[in-house]
Amino acid sequence: MRTPALIAAAAILLTACGTTEDGGGPAGTDTSAGPVTVTDSRGKAVELKAPAKRVVTLEWAETETVASLGVMPVGAADTAGYKTWNSVAPLDDSVKDVGKRNEPSVDAIVALDPDVVVMASGRDTTLVAQLEKYVPVVVTKASDAARNLDRLREDTRMIAKAVGRSAEGDKLLSDLDAGFAEGRKAVEAKGAAGTPFVVADGWLEGSTVNIRPFGKGSLVSDAAEQVGLKNAWTGQVDPQWGLGQTDVEGLTALTDPKTVLFYSASEEDVFTTGLAQNPVWQRLPFVASGEVHRLATGTWTFGGPRSVGHVADQLVRAVTA
């Protein structure tokens, strides 16, 4: 099972797929600019002597965003996992792995002599204090089910400012909005506006498939709603990620025959291996109608602007096919 970085297991177009822009990597950052100050999610004004050229990222959404801005991180947490789960902003071989997302190596990070470390809120607060003895730390909000798209924009602009790529940050966000508009137009043209959908991931626990529906307020739900679809999952979700939890029996609450199910499985596909022969699964309306769609491998459902666009693109293509 793959969890979003900051929560336990209970509690995860129109997109350009290029990795870096012209002048990407540390050398591509505007070094002519003077000191930079960004106010992060803690409300702390983080002062940098210049736009950061050497960046370490400790969460995949932040890694994606930095790479999308044309600055290849010098270090990132769990690079192997990133390469499995996030395809929209690939890392090159120069990026050093600094350990697990929930347990990075302070020594490995400091050894890279970064200008800044970008990490998500909710991590062990002692880690921030440890790192700040050696290097400035910028903390993103990472997720907020009350306002996720606005939060995404704020995190993107903050990171972009820290690395001297504000124009590129604005372009990332304008491309995302343009993709939403184009997707919404396609959905409406197909007469598919308001199509009920569910997005989920899952994992095996013994012989039971646990399922996490992405409820209202999750980033992927926000993306789907931007293109005119309607989230059909109304069960309880957590306030940070908008994630619920259920099993195959819980999915029987979804009775609308128009419902479309999307699922994420860049590693083990439990929806196929664990549910294909399940009689309850077979009777679900979206299974009976053949409206079950696996998101492409490398679709990170907790990512940055490019990941969000990638999700929206796939949903639009499925409902307009």
C-alpha atoms as a PDB file:
ATOM      1  CA  MET A   1       0.000   0.000   0.000  1.00  0.00           C
ATOM      2  CA  ARG A   2       1.153   3.473  -0.682  1.00  0.00           C
ATOM      3  CA  THR A   3       0.202   6.113   1.862  1.00  0.00           C
ATOM      4  CA  PRO A   4       0.477   9.845   1.445  1.00  0.00           C
ATOM      5  CA  ALA A   5       3.453  10.890   3.316  1.00  0.00           C
ATOM      6  CA  LEU A   6       1.972  12.325   6.423  1.00  0.00           C
ATOM      7  CA  ILE A   7      -0.728   9.888   7.410  1.00  0.00           C
ATOM      8  CA  ALA A   8      -0.873   6.336   8.591  1.00  0.00           C
ATOM      9  CA  ALA A   9      -2.340   3.472   6.705  1.00  0.00           C
ATOM     10  CA  ALA A  10      -5.770   4.153   8.073  1.00  0.00           C
ATOM     11  CA  ALA A  11      -6.124   7.249   7.017  1.00  0.00           C
ATOM     12  CA  ILE A  12      -3.026   9.574  -1.287  1.00  0.00           C
ATOM     13  CA  LEU A  13      -4.586  17.175 -19.653  1.00  0.00           C
ATOM     14  CA  LEU A  14      -3.565  18.287 -20.356  1.00  0.00           C
ATOM     15  CA  THR A  15      -0.164  17.791 -18.883  1.00  0.00           C
ATOM     16  CA  ALA A  16       3.232  18.342 -20.328  1.00  0.00           C
ATOM     17  CA  CYS A  17       5.530  15.550 -19.323  1.00  0.00           C
ATOM     18  CA  GLY A  18       8.872  17.246 -19.704  1.00  0.00           C
ATOM     19  CA  THR A  19      11.114  17.219 -16.719  1.00  0.00           C
ATOM     20  CA  THR A  20      13.009  20.426 -16.734  1.00  0.00           C
ATOM     21  CA  GLU A  21      12.907  23.577 -18.660  1.00  0.00           C
ATOM     22  CA  ASP A  22      15.599  25.371 -20.515  1.00  0.00           C
ATOM     23  CA  GLY A  23      18.559  25.815 -18.294  1.00  0.00           C
ATOM     24  CA  GLY A  24      17.197  23.193 -15.901  1.00  0.00           C
ATOM     25  CA  GLY A  25      19.149  22.056 -12.908  1.00  0.00           C
ATOM     26  CA  PRO A  26      21.014  24.227 -10.477  1.00  0.00           C
ATOM     27  CA  ALA A  27      22.715  26.136 -13.275  1.00  0.00           C
ATOM     28  CA  GLY A  28      19.317  27.212 -14.609  1.00  0.00           C
ATOM     29  CA  THR A  29      18.328  29.190 -11.552  1.00  0.00           C
ATOM     30  CA  ASP A  30      18.548  32.949 -11.683  1.00  0.00           C
ATOM     31  CA  THR A  31      21.641  33.637  -9.649  1.00  0.00           C
ATOM     32  CA  SER A  32      21.631  37.337 -10.453  1.00  0.00           C
ATOM     33  CA  ALA A  33      18.768  37.942  -8.058  1.00  0.00           C
ATOM     34  CA  GLY A  34      19.448  39.064  -4.545  1.00  0.00           C
ATOM     35  CA  PRO A  35      18.188  37.694  -1.252  1.00  0.00           C
ATOM     36  CA  VAL A  36      14.835  35.958  -1.192  1.00  0.00           C
ATOM     37  CA  THR A  37      12.382  35.752   1.693  1.00  0.00           C
ATOM     38  CA  VAL A  38       9.421  33.403   1.627  1.00  0.00           C
ATOM     39  CA  THR A  39       6.816  32.950   4.328  1.00  0.00           C
ATOM     40  CA  ASP A  40       6.081  29.258   4.645  1.00  0.00           C
ATOM     41  CA  SER A  41       3.098  27.340   6.034  1.00  0.00           C
ATOM     42  CA  ARG A  42       4.352  27.859   9.571  1.00  0.00           C
ATOM     43  CA  GLY A  43       4.107  31.596   9.080  1.00  0.00           C
ATOM     44  CA  LYS A  44       7.881  31.742   9.300  1.00  0.00           C
ATOM     45  CA  ALA A  45       9.792  34.132   7.076  1.00  0.00           C
ATOM     46  CA  VAL A  46      12.612  32.020   5.640  1.00  0.00           C
ATOM     47  CA  GLU A  47      15.473  34.124   4.343  1.00  0.00           C
ATOM     48  CA  LEU A  48      17.731  32.872   1.574  1.00  0.00           C
ATOM     49  CA  LYS A  49      20.845  34.708   0.445  1.00  0.00           C
ATOM     50  CA  ALA A  50      19.792  34.101  -3.165  1.00  0.00           C
ATOM     51  CA  PRO A  51      17.298  31.942  -5.054  1.00  0.00           C
ATOM     52  CA  ALA A  52      18.096  28.376  -4.098  1.00  0.00           C
ATOM     53  CA  LYS A  53      20.137  26.421  -6.612  1.00  0.00           C
ATOM     54  CA  ARG A  54      20.779  23.319  -4.544  1.00  0.00           C
ATOM     55  CA  VAL A  55      17.446  22.001  -3.305  1.00  0.00           C
ATOM     56  CA  VAL A  56      16.585  18.913  -1.262  1.00  0.00           C
ATOM     57  CA  THR A  57      12.952  17.788  -1.214  1.00  0.00           C
ATOM     58  CA  LEU A  58      11.457  15.411   1.324  1.00  0.00           C
ATOM     59  CA  GLU A  59       8.038  14.755  -0.202  1.00  0.00           C
ATOM     60  CA  TRP A  60       7.123  13.683  -3.717  1.00  0.00           C
ATOM     61  CA  ALA A  61       4.743  16.543  -4.478  1.00  0.00           C
ATOM     62  CA  GLU A  62       7.490  18.997  -3.587  1.00  0.00           C
ATOM     63  CA  THR A  63      10.025  17.001  -5.603  1.00  0.00           C
ATOM     64  CA  GLU A  64       7.698  17.103  -8.595  1.00  0.00           C
ATOM     65  CA  THR A  65       7.091  20.825  -8.245  1.00  0.00           C
ATOM     66  CA  VAL A  66      10.777  21.712  -7.989  1.00  0.00           C
ATOM     67  CA  ALA A  67      11.619  19.556 -11.016  1.00  0.00           C
ATOM     68  CA  SER A  68       8.666  21.005 -12.948  1.00  0.00           C
ATOM     69  CA  LEU A  69      10.041  24.477 -12.303  1.00  0.00           C
ATOM     70  CA  GLY A  70      13.246  23.526 -14.073  1.00  0.00           C
ATOM     71  CA  VAL A  71      15.413  22.963 -11.007  1.00  0.00           C
ATOM     72  CA  MET A  72      16.600  19.402 -10.608  1.00  0.00           C
ATOM     73  CA  PRO A  73      16.878  18.681  -6.863  1.00  0.00           C
ATOM     74  CA  VAL A  74      20.298  17.664  -5.614  1.00  0.00           C
ATOM     75  CA  GLY A  75      18.592  15.284  -3.212  1.00  0.00           C
ATOM     76  CA  ALA A  76      15.135  13.834  -2.627  1.00  0.00           C
ATOM     77  CA  ALA A  77      13.497  11.331  -0.338  1.00  0.00           C
ATOM     78  CA  ASP A  78      12.778   7.849  -1.675  1.00  0.00           C
ATOM     79  CA  THR A  79      13.792   8.467  -5.248  1.00  0.00           C
ATOM     80  CA  ALA A  80      12.969   4.893  -6.243  1.00  0.00           C
ATOM     81  CA  GLY A  81       9.415   5.265  -4.991  1.00  0.00           C
ATOM     82  CA  TYR A  82       9.098   8.611  -6.710  1.00  0.00           C
ATOM     83  CA  LYS A  83      10.107   7.088 -10.023  1.00  0.00           C
ATOM     84  CA  THR A  84       7.427   4.401  -9.558  1.00  0.00           C
ATOM     85  CA  TRP A  85       4.612   6.720  -8.522  1.00  0.00           C
ATOM     86  CA  ASN A  86       5.300   9.991 -10.287  1.00  0.00           C
ATOM     87  CA  SER A  87       5.979  10.046 -14.015  1.00  0.00           C
ATOM     88  CA  VAL A  88       5.159  13.648 -14.888  1.00  0.00           C
ATOM     89  CA  ALA A  89       8.439  15.228 -13.759  1.00  0.00           C
ATOM     90  CA  PRO A  90      11.166  12.564 -13.960  1.00  0.00           C
ATOM     91  CA  LEU A  91      14.341  12.849 -11.926  1.00  0.00           C
ATOM     92  CA  ASP A  92      17.715  12.383 -13.501  1.00  0.00           C
ATOM     93  CA  ASP A  93      20.405  10.134 -12.121  1.00  0.00           C
ATOM     94  CA  SER A  94      22.180  12.996 -10.378  1.00  0.00           C
ATOM     95  CA  VAL A  95      19.524  13.217  -7.663  1.00  0.00           C
ATOM     96  CA  LYS A  96      20.724  11.614  -4.457  1.00  0.00           C
ATOM     97  CA  ASP A  97      18.379   9.568  -2.313  1.00  0.00           C
ATOM     98  CA  VAL A  98      18.299  11.002   1.214  1.00  0.00           C
ATOM     99  CA  GLY A  99      16.228   8.266   2.802  1.00  0.00           C
ATOM    100  CA  LYS A 100      12.588   7.561   3.472  1.00  0.00           C
ATOM    101  CA  ARG A 101       9.977  10.282   3.258  1.00  0.00           C
ATOM    102  CA  ASN A 102       8.987   9.715   6.857  1.00  0.00           C
ATOM    103  CA  GLU A 103      12.556   9.156   8.028  1.00  0.00           C
ATOM    104  CA  PRO A 104      15.101  10.996   5.909  1.00  0.00           C
ATOM    105  CA  SER A 105      18.768  11.071   6.848  1.00  0.00           C
ATOM    106  CA  VAL A 106      19.840  14.406   8.269  1.00  0.00           C
ATOM    107  CA  ASP A 107      23.463  13.484   7.617  1.00  0.00           C
ATOM    108  CA  ALA A 108      22.740  12.665   3.967  1.00  0.00           C
ATOM    109  CA  ILE A 109      20.853  15.923   3.504  1.00  0.00           C
ATOM    110  CA  VAL A 110      23.522  18.090   5.101  1.00  0.00           C
ATOM    111  CA  ALA A 111      26.261  16.329   3.134  1.00  0.00           C
ATOM    112  CA  LEU A 112      24.684  17.661  -0.066  1.00  0.00           C
ATOM    113  CA  ASP A 113      25.221  21.229   1.141  1.00  0.00           C
ATOM    114  CA  PRO A 114      21.785  22.390  -0.018  1.00  0.00           C
ATOM    115  CA  ASP A 115      20.679  26.000  -0.164  1.00  0.00           C
ATOM    116  CA  VAL A 116      17.254  24.985   1.108  1.00  0.00           C
ATOM    117  CA  VAL A 117      15.277  21.925   2.172  1.00  0.00           C
ATOM    118  CA  VAL A 118      11.634  21.822   1.089  1.00  0.00           C
ATOM    119  CA  MET A 119       9.456  19.584   3.201  1.00  0.00           C
ATOM    120  CA  ALA A 120       5.781  19.146   3.996  1.00  0.00           C
ATOM    121  CA  SER A 121       3.994  20.111   7.172  1.00  0.00           C
ATOM    122  CA  GLY A 122       3.046  17.353   9.541  1.00  0.00           C
ATOM    123  CA  ARG A 123       6.453  15.771   9.602  1.00  0.00           C
ATOM    124  CA  ASP A 124       8.205  15.211  12.852  1.00  0.00           C
ATOM    125  CA  THR A 125       8.788  18.728  14.120  1.00  0.00           C
ATOM    126  CA  THR A 126      12.104  17.636  15.614  1.00  0.00           C
ATOM    127  CA  LEU A 127      13.332  17.020  12.075  1.00  0.00           C
ATOM    128  CA  VAL A 128      12.759  20.652  11.144  1.00  0.00           C
ATOM    129  CA  ALA A 129      14.752  21.810  14.145  1.00  0.00           C
ATOM    130  CA  GLN A 130      17.563  19.378  13.357  1.00  0.00           C
ATOM    131  CA  LEU A 131      17.793  20.543   9.763  1.00  0.00           C
ATOM    132  CA  GLU A 132      17.583  24.227  10.564  1.00  0.00           C
ATOM    133  CA  LYS A 133      20.845  23.965  12.472  1.00  0.00           C
ATOM    134  CA  TYR A 134      22.503  23.558   9.087  1.00  0.00           C
ATOM    135  CA  VAL A 135      20.241  24.775   6.292  1.00  0.00           C
ATOM    136  CA  PRO A 136      17.112  26.916   5.748  1.00  0.00           C
ATOM    137  CA  VAL A 137      13.924  24.881   5.652  1.00  0.00           C
ATOM    138  CA  VAL A 138      10.738  25.800   3.802  1.00  0.00           C
ATOM    139  CA  VAL A 139       7.632  23.924   4.964  1.00  0.00           C
ATOM    140  CA  THR A 140       4.679  23.533   2.606  1.00  0.00           C
ATOM    141  CA  LYS A 141       1.088  22.991   3.636  1.00  0.00           C
ATOM    142  CA  ALA A 142       1.004  19.833   1.490  1.00  0.00           C
ATOM    143  CA  SER A 143      -2.751  19.154   1.684  1.00  0.00           C
ATOM    144  CA  ASP A 144      -5.887  20.733   3.058  1.00  0.00           C
ATOM    145  CA  ALA A 145      -9.205  19.113   2.209  1.00  0.00           C
ATOM    146  CA  ALA A 146     -10.977  22.408   2.856  1.00  0.00           C
ATOM    147  CA  ARG A 147      -9.167  24.245   0.036  1.00  0.00           C
ATOM    148  CA  ASN A 148      -6.798  21.959  -1.768  1.00  0.00           C
ATOM    149  CA  LEU A 149      -6.498  23.685  -5.119  1.00  0.00           C
ATOM    150  CA  ASP A 150      -5.913  27.068  -3.521  1.00  0.00           C
ATOM    151  CA  ARG A 151      -3.411  25.425  -1.201  1.00  0.00           C
ATOM    152  CA  LEU A 152      -1.675  23.838  -4.195  1.00  0.00           C
ATOM    153  CA  ARG A 153      -1.343  27.233  -5.837  1.00  0.00           C
ATOM    154  CA  GLU A 154       0.083  28.787  -2.684  1.00  0.00           C
ATOM    155  CA  ASP A 155       2.629  26.006  -2.196  1.00  0.00           C
ATOM    156  CA  THR A 156       3.665  26.177  -5.849  1.00  0.00           C
ATOM    157  CA  ARG A 157       4.182  29.942  -5.792  1.00  0.00           C
ATOM    158  CA  MET A 158       6.127  29.741  -2.542  1.00  0.00           C
ATOM    159  CA  ILE A 159       8.463  27.054  -3.859  1.00  0.00           C
ATOM    160  CA  ALA A 160       8.861  28.905  -7.145  1.00  0.00           C
ATOM    161  CA  LYS A 161       9.870  32.078  -5.336  1.00  0.00           C
ATOM    162  CA  ALA A 162      12.387  30.193  -3.197  1.00  0.00           C
ATOM    163  CA  VAL A 163      14.141  28.807  -6.273  1.00  0.00           C
ATOM    164  CA  GLY A 164      13.887  31.998  -8.323  1.00  0.00           C
ATOM    165  CA  ARG A 165      11.329  30.584 -10.740  1.00  0.00           C
ATOM    166  CA  SER A 166       8.214  32.621 -10.068  1.00  0.00           C
ATOM    167  CA  ALA A 167       7.416  33.064 -13.765  1.00  0.00           C
ATOM    168  CA  GLU A 168       7.686  29.312 -14.283  1.00  0.00           C
ATOM    169  CA  GLY A 169       5.436  28.751 -11.278  1.00  0.00           C
ATOM    170  CA  ASP A 170       2.785  31.035 -12.710  1.00  0.00           C
ATOM    171  CA  LYS A 171       3.055  29.178 -16.022  1.00  0.00           C
ATOM    172  CA  LEU A 172       2.560  25.809 -14.303  1.00  0.00           C
ATOM    173  CA  LEU A 173      -0.627  27.069 -12.697  1.00  0.00           C
ATOM    174  CA  SER A 174      -1.968  28.800 -15.795  1.00  0.00           C
ATOM    175  CA  ASP A 175      -1.364  25.615 -17.795  1.00  0.00           C
ATOM    176  CA  LEU A 176      -3.289  23.686 -15.157  1.00  0.00           C
ATOM    177  CA  ASP A 177      -6.241  26.060 -15.335  1.00  0.00           C
ATOM    178  CA  ALA A 178      -6.193  26.002 -19.133  1.00  0.00           C
ATOM    179  CA  GLY A 179      -6.266  22.217 -18.994  1.00  0.00           C
ATOM    180  CA  PHE A 180      -9.234  22.280 -16.653  1.00  0.00           C
ATOM    181  CA  ALA A 181     -11.100  24.597 -19.006  1.00  0.00           C
ATOM    182  CA  GLU A 182     -10.332  22.440 -22.023  1.00  0.00           C
ATOM    183  CA  GLY A 183     -11.358  19.281 -20.164  1.00  0.00           C
ATOM    184  CA  ARG A 184     -14.601  20.837 -18.965  1.00  0.00           C
ATOM    185  CA  LYS A 185     -15.407  21.879 -22.527  1.00  0.00           C
ATOM    186  CA  ALA A 186     -14.835  18.323 -23.765  1.00  0.00           C
ATOM    187  CA  VAL A 187     -16.981  16.831 -21.016  1.00  0.00           C
ATOM    188  CA  GLU A 188     -19.822  19.221 -21.739  1.00  0.00           C
ATOM    189  CA  ALA A 189     -19.592  18.606 -25.466  1.00  0.00           C
ATOM    190  CA  LYS A 190     -19.957  14.890 -24.820  1.00  0.00           C
ATOM    191  CA  GLY A 191     -22.977  15.451 -22.583  1.00  0.00           C
ATOM    192  CA  ALA A 192     -21.041  13.928 -19.690  1.00  0.00           C
ATOM    193  CA  ALA A 193     -21.200  16.858 -17.252  1.00  0.00           C
ATOM    194  CA  GLY A 194     -22.188  15.685 -13.797  1.00  0.00           C
ATOM    195  CA  THR A 195     -21.056  12.110 -14.367  1.00  0.00           C
ATOM    196  CA  PRO A 196     -20.688  10.509 -10.919  1.00  0.00           C
ATOM    197  CA  PHE A 197     -17.215   9.186 -10.232  1.00  0.00           C
ATOM    198  CA  VAL A 198     -15.163   7.517  -7.523  1.00  0.00           C
ATOM    199  CA  VAL A 199     -11.376   7.529  -7.322  1.00  0.00           C
ATOM    200  CA  ALA A 200      -9.719   5.058  -4.968  1.00  0.00           C
ATOM    201  CA  ASP A 201      -6.589   3.166  -4.166  1.00  0.00           C
ATOM    202  CA  GLY A 202      -6.283   0.041  -2.084  1.00  0.00           C
ATOM    203  CA  TRP A 203      -4.156  -2.607  -0.497  1.00  0.00           C
ATOM    204  CA  LEU A 204      -4.425  -6.184   0.713  1.00  0.00           C
ATOM    205  CA  GLU A 205      -4.596  -6.943   4.411  1.00  0.00           C
ATOM    206  CA  GLY A 206      -4.665 -10.704   4.647  1.00  0.00           C
ATOM    207  CA  SER A 207      -7.345 -11.698   2.178  1.00  0.00           C
ATOM    208  CA  THR A 208      -9.259  -8.439   2.580  1.00  0.00           C
ATOM    209  CA  VAL A 209      -8.906  -5.580   0.130  1.00  0.00           C
ATOM    210  CA  ASN A 210      -8.947  -2.280   1.967  1.00  0.00           C
ATOM    211  CA  ILE A 211     -10.060   0.606  -0.184  1.00  0.00           C
ATOM    212  CA  ARG A 212      -9.425   4.328   0.219  1.00  0.00           C
ATOM    213  CA  PRO A 213     -11.923   6.444  -1.697  1.00  0.00           C
ATOM    214  CA  PHE A 214     -10.833   9.983  -2.459  1.00  0.00           C
ATOM    215  CA  GLY A 215     -13.689  12.015  -1.066  1.00  0.00           C
ATOM    216  CA  LYS A 216     -14.687  15.607  -1.616  1.00  0.00           C
ATOM    217  CA  GLY A 217     -11.779  17.890  -0.805  1.00  0.00           C
ATOM    218  CA  SER A 218      -9.089  15.500  -1.974  1.00  0.00           C
ATOM    219  CA  LEU A 219      -6.863  16.886  -4.671  1.00  0.00           C
ATOM    220  CA  VAL A 220      -8.038  14.417  -7.320  1.00  0.00           C
ATOM    221  CA  SER A 221     -11.665  15.108  -6.457  1.00  0.00           C
ATOM    222  CA  ASP A 222     -11.065  18.819  -6.855  1.00  0.00           C
ATOM    223  CA  ALA A 223      -9.483  18.151 -10.238  1.00  0.00           C
ATOM    224  CA  ALA A 224     -12.426  16.022 -11.365  1.00  0.00           C
ATOM    225  CA  GLU A 225     -14.918  18.619 -10.252  1.00  0.00           C
ATOM    226  CA  GLN A 226     -13.013  21.269 -12.188  1.00  0.00           C
ATOM    227  CA  VAL A 227     -13.764  19.360 -15.390  1.00  0.00           C
ATOM    228  CA  GLY A 228     -17.435  18.942 -14.530  1.00  0.00           C
ATOM    229  CA  LEU A 229     -17.669  15.538 -12.843  1.00  0.00           C
ATOM    230  CA  LYS A 230     -19.398  14.786  -9.523  1.00  0.00           C
ATOM    231  CA  ASN A 231     -17.820  12.840  -6.684  1.00  0.00           C
ATOM    232  CA  ALA A 232     -20.148   9.996  -5.748  1.00  0.00           C
ATOM    233  CA  TRP A 233     -18.329   9.049  -2.545  1.00  0.00           C
ATOM    234  CA  THR A 234     -20.123  10.639   0.401  1.00  0.00           C
ATOM    235  CA  GLY A 235     -18.615   8.596   3.215  1.00  0.00           C
ATOM    236  CA  GLN A 236     -16.488  10.085   5.974  1.00  0.00           C
ATOM    237  CA  VAL A 237     -13.080  11.409   4.963  1.00  0.00           C
ATOM    238  CA  ASP A 238     -10.182  12.893   6.883  1.00  0.00           C
ATOM    239  CA  PRO A 239      -9.819  16.681   6.969  1.00  0.00           C
ATOM    240  CA  GLN A 240      -6.315  16.856   5.535  1.00  0.00           C
ATOM    241  CA  TRP A 241      -6.284  14.526   2.558  1.00  0.00           C
ATOM    242  CA  GLY A 242      -9.994  13.958   1.956  1.00  0.00           C
ATOM    243  CA  LEU A 243      -9.469  10.228   2.163  1.00  0.00           C
ATOM    244  CA  GLY A 244     -11.997   7.686   3.332  1.00  0.00           C
ATOM    245  CA  GLN A 245     -11.663   4.021   4.093  1.00  0.00           C
ATOM    246  CA  THR A 246     -13.924   1.131   3.240  1.00  0.00           C
ATOM    247  CA  ASP A 247     -14.016  -2.386   1.836  1.00  0.00           C
ATOM    248  CA  VAL A 248     -15.772  -3.902  -1.135  1.00  0.00           C
ATOM    249  CA  GLU A 249     -19.048  -4.133   0.807  1.00  0.00           C
ATOM    250  CA  GLY A 250     -18.811  -0.405   1.491  1.00  0.00           C
ATOM    251  CA  LEU A 251     -18.805   0.267  -2.222  1.00  0.00           C
ATOM    252  CA  THR A 252     -22.341  -1.118  -2.472  1.00  0.00           C
ATOM    253  CA  ALA A 253     -23.497   2.340  -1.312  1.00  0.00           C
ATOM    254  CA  LEU A 254     -22.696   3.448  -4.861  1.00  0.00           C
ATOM    255  CA  THR A 255     -25.845   2.540  -6.705  1.00  0.00           C
ATOM    256  CA  ASP A 256     -26.018   5.040  -9.568  1.00  0.00           C
ATOM    257  CA  PRO A 257     -25.567   3.003 -12.757  1.00  0.00           C
ATOM    258  CA  LYS A 258     -23.714   5.936 -14.361  1.00  0.00           C
ATOM    259  CA  THR A 259     -20.925   5.861 -11.774  1.00  0.00           C
ATOM    260  CA  VAL A 260     -17.375   5.510 -13.098  1.00  0.00           C
ATOM    261  CA  LEU A 261     -14.594   4.107 -10.899  1.00  0.00           C
ATOM    262  CA  PHE A 262     -10.961   5.123 -11.289  1.00  0.00           C
ATOM    263  CA  TYR A 263      -8.250   3.509  -9.229  1.00  0.00           C
ATOM    264  CA  SER A 264      -4.567   4.057  -8.619  1.00  0.00           C
ATOM    265  CA  ALA A 265      -2.182   1.104  -8.545  1.00  0.00           C
ATOM    266  CA  SER A 266       1.348   1.843  -9.641  1.00  0.00           C
ATOM    267  CA  GLU A 267       2.530  -1.141  -7.617  1.00  0.00           C
ATOM    268  CA  GLU A 268       0.280  -4.116  -6.786  1.00  0.00           C
ATOM    269  CA  ASP A 269      -3.118  -3.968  -8.486  1.00  0.00           C
ATOM    270  CA  VAL A 270      -5.352  -5.294  -5.724  1.00  0.00           C
ATOM    271  CA  PHE A 271      -8.473  -4.333  -7.616  1.00  0.00           C
ATOM    272  CA  THR A 272      -7.609  -7.003 -10.142  1.00  0.00           C
ATOM    273  CA  THR A 273      -5.828  -9.581  -8.014  1.00  0.00           C
ATOM    274  CA  GLY A 274      -7.995  -9.257  -4.932  1.00  0.00           C
ATOM    275  CA  LEU A 275     -11.432  -8.412  -6.256  1.00  0.00           C
ATOM    276  CA  ALA A 276     -11.859  -9.824  -9.735  1.00  0.00           C
ATOM    277  CA  GLN A 277     -13.562 -12.992  -8.485  1.00  0.00           C
ATOM    278  CA  ASN A 278     -15.409 -11.330  -5.623  1.00  0.00           C
ATOM    279  CA  PRO A 279     -19.194 -11.664  -6.200  1.00  0.00           C
ATOM    280  CA  VAL A 280     -19.916  -8.399  -4.389  1.00  0.00           C
ATOM    281  CA  TRP A 281     -17.429  -6.597  -6.626  1.00  0.00           C
ATOM    282  CA  GLN A 282     -18.899  -8.171  -9.723  1.00  0.00           C
ATOM    283  CA  ARG A 283     -22.352  -6.826  -8.886  1.00  0.00           C
ATOM    284  CA  LEU A 284     -21.229  -3.233  -8.396  1.00  0.00           C
ATOM    285  CA  PRO A 285     -22.764  -1.006 -11.092  1.00  0.00           C
ATOM    286  CA  PHE A 286     -19.475   0.314 -12.482  1.00  0.00           C
ATOM    287  CA  VAL A 287     -18.070  -3.209 -12.692  1.00  0.00           C
ATOM    288  CA  ALA A 288     -21.167  -4.520 -14.429  1.00  0.00           C
ATOM    289  CA  SER A 289     -21.080  -1.636 -16.908  1.00  0.00           C
ATOM    290  CA  GLY A 290     -17.341  -1.939 -17.536  1.00  0.00           C
ATOM    291  CA  GLU A 291     -16.672   1.545 -16.176  1.00  0.00           C
ATOM    292  CA  VAL A 292     -13.610   0.660 -14.106  1.00  0.00           C
ATOM    293  CA  HIS A 293     -10.467   2.492 -15.173  1.00  0.00           C
ATOM    294  CA  ARG A 294      -6.966   2.082 -13.824  1.00  0.00           C
ATOM    295  CA  LEU A 295      -4.993   5.314 -13.752  1.00  0.00           C
ATOM    296  CA  ALA A 296      -1.754   5.117 -15.683  1.00  0.00           C
ATOM    297  CA  THR A 297       1.275   3.848 -13.825  1.00  0.00           C
ATOM    298  CA  GLY A 298       3.095   6.809 -12.382  1.00  0.00           C
ATOM    299  CA  THR A 299      -0.028   8.825 -11.637  1.00  0.00           C
ATOM    300  CA  TRP A 300       0.625  10.391  -8.247  1.00  0.00           C
ATOM    301  CA  THR A 301      -2.680  11.311  -6.667  1.00  0.00           C
ATOM    302  CA  PHE A 302      -1.057  13.593  -4.085  1.00  0.00           C
ATOM    303  CA  GLY A 303       1.234  15.497  -6.399  1.00  0.00           C
ATOM    304  CA  GLY A 304       1.891  18.952  -7.764  1.00  0.00           C
ATOM    305  CA  PRO A 305       0.250  20.849 -10.627  1.00  0.00           C
ATOM    306  CA  ARG A 306       1.416  18.454 -13.327  1.00  0.00           C
ATOM    307  CA  SER A 307       0.117  15.426 -11.443  1.00  0.00           C
ATOM    308  CA  VAL A 308      -3.238  17.097 -10.906  1.00  0.00           C
ATOM    309  CA  GLY A 309      -3.461  17.873 -14.596  1.00  0.00           C
ATOM    310  CA  HIS A 310      -2.464  14.316 -15.441  1.00  0.00           C
ATOM    311  CA  VAL A 311      -5.314  12.961 -13.315  1.00  0.00           C
ATOM    312  CA  ALA A 312      -7.859  15.344 -14.851  1.00  0.00           C
ATOM    313  CA  ASP A 313      -6.722  14.442 -18.339  1.00  0.00           C
ATOM    314  CA  GLN A 314      -7.270  10.736 -17.746  1.00  0.00           C
ATOM    315  CA  LEU A 315     -10.716  11.247 -16.251  1.00  0.00           C
ATOM    316  CA  VAL A 316     -11.786  13.431 -19.154  1.00  0.00           C
ATOM    317  CA  ARG A 317     -10.585  10.926 -21.714  1.00  0.00           C
ATOM    318  CA  ALA A 318     -12.447   8.096 -19.976  1.00  0.00           C
ATOM    319  CA  VAL A 319     -15.820   9.832 -19.723  1.00  0.00           C
ATOM    320  CA  THR A 320     -15.664  11.273 -23.239  1.00  0.00           C
ATOM    321  CA  ALA A 321     -14.501   8.107 -25.006  1.00  0.00           C
END
